[in-house]
Structure formats: C-alpha cells, structure tokens
C-alpha cells in the first residue's frame, strides 16, 4: 500500500503539472486558480493534521487563490512533502489513526493515514476533472492526464 500511495502522489504530480501548463494558456483563469489553489491548501491542511505544526484552525481548505507565479512552486513543495513523508514511514504506519477536530464542529474525528492519503489523491482527480471541463468550455484542448499514460510501455 505504501508504494501504491507514493506512486499515486507521483501520478497526481505529473497530471497536475500538465494541468498547470494548460491553465497558463486559459483566457479566464480565475476558477481554475481557485481549484488548483485548493489542491495545495488540502495538502497543507491534511499534513498539518498529521504533524500538528500549527493550530489546525489557522489553515483553510479554500483560501485566496495563489498567484500564477507561485502555483508551481507551492504545488511542488507540498506534493513533495507528502511523497517524502510516505517514503520515510513504515508500511504499518499507514494504519495509524490521525485524530483531529474540524474548527466548524464540536466533535473530534479520526481517520487512518492511508485513507487520508487516498482522499487527497482522489480529491485531486475530482477537481482536476472540473478544471479540464472549464478548459473545454473556454474552447481550449485539455491535456491528457489519464493514469494509463504514465504506465504504458511501447513494444
């Protein structure tokens, strides 16, 4: 499972970098910036729930959009933090339960580390599809970001 999660983050990194290149060419980038920034905020918030470096309420899911000039750098820093974190832990650590309390609720929750990592990646696929739709709506050709393109081998 550990290697699967690392590979999944690497796939999402590849796909989101292709997406970012397409976003740069869009006539109206606002909604795409908002969603791509959300990718970054989500990586940050869930990592903080694991490391507890800062008060969880100080981090947001949907903050102000990052400027285009910062998106690639911030994406790289945050996705690499997740990949490095997964690379250094043991397989059994994926079963650790992360306890957190959302700022808008009075209850605490817990989720296994592996489920958090899966959520981040599935959520990225979900929002990437939304951005691809926006690209099409603006008359652009979206990049091919299908997983299979990263594993196909020519004979």
Protein backbone atom coordinates (compact mmCIF):
# COMPACT_ATOMS: atom_id res chain seq x y z
CA UNK A 1 0.00 0.00 0.00
CA UNK A 2 2.83 2.38 0.83
CA UNK A 3 4.37 2.16 -2.65
CA UNK A 4 0.90 2.42 -4.22
CA UNK A 5 0.30 5.69 -2.36
CA UNK A 6 3.71 7.08 -3.31
CA UNK A 7 3.05 6.18 -6.94
CA UNK A 8 -0.43 7.75 -6.74
CA UNK A 9 1.04 11.03 -5.46
CA UNK A 10 3.64 10.93 -8.25
CA UNK A 11 0.91 10.35 -10.84
CA UNK A 12 -1.11 13.29 -9.48
CA UNK A 13 2.03 15.40 -9.55
CA UNK A 14 2.59 14.56 -13.21
CA UNK A 15 -1.06 15.16 -14.14
CA UNK A 16 -1.36 18.41 -12.18
CA UNK A 17 1.81 19.79 -13.75
CA UNK A 18 0.30 19.15 -17.19
CA UNK A 19 -2.88 20.79 -15.98
CA UNK A 20 -0.98 23.82 -14.73
CA UNK A 21 0.59 24.32 -18.16
CA UNK A 22 -2.91 24.32 -19.68
CA UNK A 23 -4.21 26.74 -17.04
CA UNK A 24 -1.49 29.22 -18.02
CA UNK A 25 -2.98 29.34 -21.54
CA UNK A 26 -6.60 29.84 -20.46
CA UNK A 27 -8.27 33.14 -21.28
CA UNK A 28 -10.14 33.17 -17.94
CA UNK A 29 -8.05 31.51 -15.24
CA UNK A 30 -9.95 32.56 -12.09
CA UNK A 31 -11.96 29.38 -11.40
CA UNK A 32 -9.02 27.15 -12.32
CA UNK A 33 -6.74 29.12 -9.96
CA UNK A 34 -9.28 28.69 -7.20
CA UNK A 35 -9.44 24.91 -7.65
CA UNK A 36 -5.69 24.46 -8.13
CA UNK A 37 -5.05 26.53 -5.02
CA UNK A 38 -7.48 24.22 -3.22
CA UNK A 39 -5.22 21.26 -4.17
CA UNK A 40 -2.38 22.97 -2.32
CA UNK A 41 -4.47 24.02 0.69
CA UNK A 42 -5.73 20.45 1.05
CA UNK A 43 -2.22 19.00 1.04
CA UNK A 44 -1.17 21.55 3.65
CA UNK A 45 -4.16 21.08 5.93
CA UNK A 46 -4.04 17.27 5.98
CA UNK A 47 -0.27 17.23 6.51
CA UNK A 48 -0.72 19.62 9.40
CA UNK A 49 -3.35 17.35 10.91
CA UNK A 50 -0.67 14.66 10.98
CA UNK A 51 2.27 16.78 12.15
CA UNK A 52 0.28 19.30 14.23
CA UNK A 53 2.87 22.00 13.49
CA UNK A 54 0.32 24.82 13.72
CA UNK A 55 -3.19 25.25 15.03
CA UNK A 56 -5.48 23.50 12.55
CA UNK A 57 -7.94 26.39 12.60
CA UNK A 58 -5.25 28.65 11.12
CA UNK A 59 -5.34 26.66 7.87
CA UNK A 60 -8.12 26.75 5.32
CA UNK A 61 -9.45 24.49 2.57
CA UNK A 62 -10.32 27.35 0.25
CA UNK A 63 -8.24 30.42 0.81
CA UNK A 64 -7.35 33.19 -1.52
CA UNK A 65 -6.07 31.97 -4.86
CA UNK A 66 -2.33 31.78 -5.13
CA UNK A 67 -0.81 33.90 -7.91
CA UNK A 68 0.07 32.02 -11.07
CA UNK A 69 3.76 32.70 -10.44
CA UNK A 70 3.55 30.78 -7.12
CA UNK A 71 1.33 27.83 -8.07
CA UNK A 72 4.02 25.53 -9.44
CA UNK A 73 6.45 26.22 -6.58
CA UNK A 74 3.79 25.72 -3.90
CA UNK A 75 2.43 22.60 -5.57
CA UNK A 76 5.94 21.14 -5.81
CA UNK A 77 6.79 21.89 -2.19
CA UNK A 78 3.57 20.40 -0.85
CA UNK A 79 3.31 17.28 -3.00
CA UNK A 80 7.00 16.55 -2.36
CA UNK A 81 6.42 16.90 1.38
CA UNK A 82 3.77 14.17 1.13
CA UNK A 83 5.95 11.90 -1.01
CA UNK A 84 8.95 12.29 1.32
CA UNK A 85 6.76 11.70 4.35
CA UNK A 86 5.38 8.47 2.89
CA UNK A 87 8.84 7.32 1.82
CA UNK A 88 10.22 7.63 5.36
CA UNK A 89 7.42 5.90 7.28
CA UNK A 90 6.93 2.17 7.72
CA UNK A 91 4.15 0.33 5.94
CA UNK A 92 2.47 -0.32 9.29
CA UNK A 93 2.29 3.44 9.98
CA UNK A 94 -0.36 3.72 7.29
CA UNK A 95 -2.77 2.16 9.78
CA UNK A 96 -2.14 4.92 12.35
CA UNK A 97 -5.23 6.88 13.19
CA UNK A 98 -4.97 10.64 12.91
CA UNK A 99 -7.19 12.48 15.37
CA UNK A 100 -8.40 15.98 14.56
CA UNK A 101 -11.20 18.39 15.33
CA UNK A 102 -12.54 20.49 12.48
CA UNK A 103 -12.94 24.12 13.50
CA UNK A 104 -16.61 24.11 12.50
CA UNK A 105 -17.55 21.10 14.65
CA UNK A 106 -17.61 20.29 18.34
CA UNK A 107 -16.57 16.68 17.84
CA UNK A 108 -13.24 15.04 17.23
CA UNK A 109 -12.73 12.65 14.34
CA UNK A 110 -10.15 10.10 13.35
CA UNK A 111 -9.04 8.60 10.07
CA UNK A 112 -6.28 6.22 9.11
CA UNK A 113 -3.25 7.77 7.47
CA UNK A 114 -3.73 5.59 4.38
CA UNK A 115 -7.31 6.85 4.00
CA UNK A 116 -6.17 10.46 4.25
CA UNK A 117 -3.56 9.88 1.55
CA UNK A 118 -6.13 8.19 -0.66
CA UNK A 119 -8.60 11.04 -0.08
CA UNK A 120 -6.05 13.63 -1.15
CA UNK A 121 -5.35 11.81 -4.38
CA UNK A 122 -8.96 11.01 -5.25
CA UNK A 123 -9.91 14.59 -4.43
CA UNK A 124 -7.21 15.83 -6.78
CA UNK A 125 -8.63 13.67 -9.59
CA UNK A 126 -12.10 15.07 -8.88
CA UNK A 127 -11.05 18.72 -9.08
CA UNK A 128 -8.72 18.10 -12.00
CA UNK A 129 -11.74 16.87 -13.94
CA UNK A 130 -13.56 20.09 -13.07
CA UNK A 131 -10.65 22.17 -14.36
CA UNK A 132 -10.46 20.07 -17.54
CA UNK A 133 -14.15 20.83 -18.12
CA UNK A 134 -13.52 24.55 -17.65
CA UNK A 135 -10.66 24.38 -20.16
CA UNK A 136 -13.01 22.76 -22.71
CA UNK A 137 -15.70 25.35 -22.03
CA UNK A 138 -13.20 28.06 -22.89
CA UNK A 139 -12.53 26.46 -26.27
CA UNK A 140 -9.15 25.05 -25.33
CA UNK A 141 -7.97 21.46 -25.69
CA UNK A 142 -7.31 19.98 -22.27
CA UNK A 143 -4.17 17.93 -21.70
CA UNK A 144 -4.40 14.16 -21.50
CA UNK A 145 -3.90 13.29 -17.84
CA UNK A 146 -5.10 9.69 -17.72
CA UNK A 147 -3.16 7.43 -15.37
CA UNK A 148 -2.60 4.78 -18.04
CA UNK A 149 -0.42 7.25 -19.98
CA UNK A 150 2.15 7.07 -17.17
CA UNK A 151 2.49 3.29 -17.27
CA UNK A 152 2.06 2.30 -20.94
CA UNK A 153 5.06 0.56 -22.42
CA UNK A 154 5.63 0.52 -26.15
CA UNK A 155 6.52 -2.89 -27.64
